[in-house]
């Protein structure tokens, strides 16, 4: 009887461990407060495309220091699980999220001015309202 229980438990664990989400989407990022949250999905192996993002983050920090200090950064290994969730082709990418809604999304090879413009437009609008 003890052996049958062990086989049952082992079979159950094997079956449940093999279950996975067929869509391949990670759970959306959820933050505690209603403030806008900046999320940076990094790709440290391709620094050529990330330079514009780093320059944009430095420039944005001058105008929005609190928002940049609270920015969440995911390395390439952790960022990939969010690609399909947020419809991102590749890193680097910046998302501005508020209450599980994407307010701004920039990804791939983009000039610094476009990144700064898109993110500051959304963050400025939030500060006004």
Protein backbone atom coordinates (compact mmCIF):
# COMPACT_ATOMS: atom_id res chain seq x y z
CA UNK A 1 0.00 0.00 0.00
CA UNK A 2 2.86 2.34 0.85
CA UNK A 3 4.45 1.67 -2.54
CA UNK A 4 1.18 2.44 -4.36
CA UNK A 5 0.93 5.79 -2.56
CA UNK A 6 4.49 6.63 -3.52
CA UNK A 7 3.82 5.77 -7.17
CA UNK A 8 0.65 7.87 -7.14
CA UNK A 9 2.43 10.90 -5.65
CA UNK A 10 5.38 10.55 -8.03
CA UNK A 11 3.02 10.29 -11.02
CA UNK A 12 1.07 13.33 -9.87
CA UNK A 13 4.24 15.39 -9.46
CA UNK A 14 5.53 14.28 -12.86
CA UNK A 15 2.27 15.24 -14.59
CA UNK A 16 1.92 18.61 -12.90
CA UNK A 17 5.57 19.49 -13.49
CA UNK A 18 5.18 18.92 -17.21
CA UNK A 19 2.26 21.36 -17.47
CA UNK A 20 3.14 24.77 -18.83
CA UNK A 21 1.47 27.78 -20.37
CA UNK A 22 1.08 26.98 -24.06
CA UNK A 23 0.87 30.66 -25.00
CA UNK A 24 4.31 31.26 -23.47
CA UNK A 25 3.27 34.52 -21.84
CA UNK A 26 4.49 35.62 -18.46
CA UNK A 27 2.14 37.20 -15.99
CA UNK A 28 1.86 40.96 -16.49
CA UNK A 29 3.96 43.08 -14.17
CA UNK A 30 1.87 44.41 -11.30
CA UNK A 31 3.09 47.18 -9.04
CA UNK A 32 1.78 48.12 -5.61
CA UNK A 33 0.75 51.70 -6.23
CA UNK A 34 -1.11 53.50 -9.00
CA UNK A 35 1.92 55.56 -10.05
CA UNK A 36 3.47 55.07 -13.44
CA UNK A 37 6.33 52.59 -13.42
CA UNK A 38 9.24 52.60 -15.88
CA UNK A 39 10.53 49.16 -16.84
CA UNK A 40 13.81 48.76 -18.74
CA UNK A 41 14.38 45.45 -20.49
CA UNK A 42 18.11 45.30 -21.03
CA UNK A 43 20.24 43.42 -23.50
CA UNK A 44 23.72 43.87 -22.12
CA UNK A 45 25.21 41.72 -24.89
CA UNK A 46 24.31 44.35 -27.53
CA UNK A 47 25.65 47.62 -26.17
CA UNK A 48 25.45 49.41 -29.54
CA UNK A 49 21.64 49.61 -29.34
CA UNK A 50 21.56 50.23 -25.60
CA UNK A 51 23.67 53.39 -25.72
CA UNK A 52 20.69 55.50 -26.83
CA UNK A 53 18.61 54.05 -23.96
CA UNK A 54 21.31 54.84 -21.38
CA UNK A 55 21.65 58.39 -22.72
CA UNK A 56 17.86 58.79 -22.62
CA UNK A 57 17.68 57.50 -19.04
CA UNK A 58 20.36 60.01 -17.97
CA UNK A 59 18.44 62.83 -19.62
CA UNK A 60 15.09 61.70 -18.19
CA UNK A 61 16.59 61.54 -14.69
CA UNK A 62 17.12 65.31 -14.76
CA UNK A 63 13.39 65.95 -15.21
CA UNK A 64 11.91 62.88 -13.51
CA UNK A 65 14.39 61.79 -10.80
CA UNK A 66 11.88 59.90 -8.63
CA UNK A 67 10.48 57.91 -11.57
CA UNK A 68 13.94 56.96 -12.85
CA UNK A 69 15.13 56.00 -9.36
CA UNK A 70 12.14 53.64 -9.10
CA UNK A 71 12.75 52.15 -12.54
CA UNK A 72 12.74 48.35 -12.68
CA UNK A 73 15.51 46.78 -14.79
CA UNK A 74 15.42 43.27 -16.21
CA UNK A 75 18.50 41.64 -17.70
CA UNK A 76 18.22 39.87 -21.04
CA UNK A 77 17.70 36.47 -19.40
CA UNK A 78 14.77 37.74 -17.33
CA UNK A 79 13.41 40.13 -19.96
CA UNK A 80 12.65 37.48 -22.60
CA UNK A 81 9.72 36.08 -20.65
CA UNK A 82 7.94 39.44 -21.03
CA UNK A 83 8.41 39.76 -24.81
CA UNK A 84 5.14 38.11 -25.76
CA UNK A 85 3.25 39.56 -22.79
CA UNK A 86 4.03 43.11 -23.92
CA UNK A 87 4.40 42.43 -27.65
CA UNK A 88 8.11 43.25 -27.76
CA UNK A 89 10.31 41.98 -30.57
CA UNK A 90 13.65 42.36 -28.79
CA UNK A 91 15.62 44.27 -26.17
CA UNK A 92 16.52 46.86 -25.30
CA UNK A 93 13.07 48.19 -24.50
CA UNK A 94 11.44 50.68 -22.17
CA UNK A 95 7.87 50.36 -20.97
CA UNK A 96 5.87 52.85 -18.96
CA UNK A 97 3.16 50.93 -17.12
CA UNK A 98 0.29 52.17 -14.98
CA UNK A 99 -2.20 49.81 -13.38
CA UNK A 100 -1.18 46.90 -15.68
CA UNK A 101 -1.73 49.11 -18.74
CA UNK A 102 1.16 49.95 -21.08
CA UNK A 103 1.19 53.73 -21.50
CA UNK A 104 4.37 53.82 -23.64
CA UNK A 105 6.50 51.16 -25.28
CA UNK A 106 9.79 51.72 -27.07
CA UNK A 107 11.95 48.85 -28.23
CA UNK A 108 14.77 48.01 -30.58
CA UNK A 109 17.14 50.44 -32.21
CA UNK A 110 15.61 53.87 -31.53
CA UNK A 111 17.26 57.31 -31.30
CA UNK A 112 17.67 58.89 -27.85
CA UNK A 113 15.40 61.82 -28.70
CA UNK A 114 12.53 59.52 -29.59
CA UNK A 115 12.91 57.61 -26.30
CA UNK A 116 13.07 60.82 -24.25
CA UNK A 117 10.14 62.34 -26.12
CA UNK A 118 7.85 59.34 -25.72
CA UNK A 119 8.61 58.70 -22.07
CA UNK A 120 8.62 62.35 -20.95
CA UNK A 121 5.32 62.99 -22.73
CA UNK A 122 3.62 60.24 -20.71
CA UNK A 123 5.33 61.13 -17.41
CA UNK A 124 4.58 64.85 -17.84
CA UNK A 125 0.94 64.10 -18.54
CA UNK A 126 0.76 62.03 -15.36
CA UNK A 127 2.28 64.85 -13.28
CA UNK A 128 -0.23 67.38 -14.64
CA UNK A 129 -3.26 65.20 -13.82
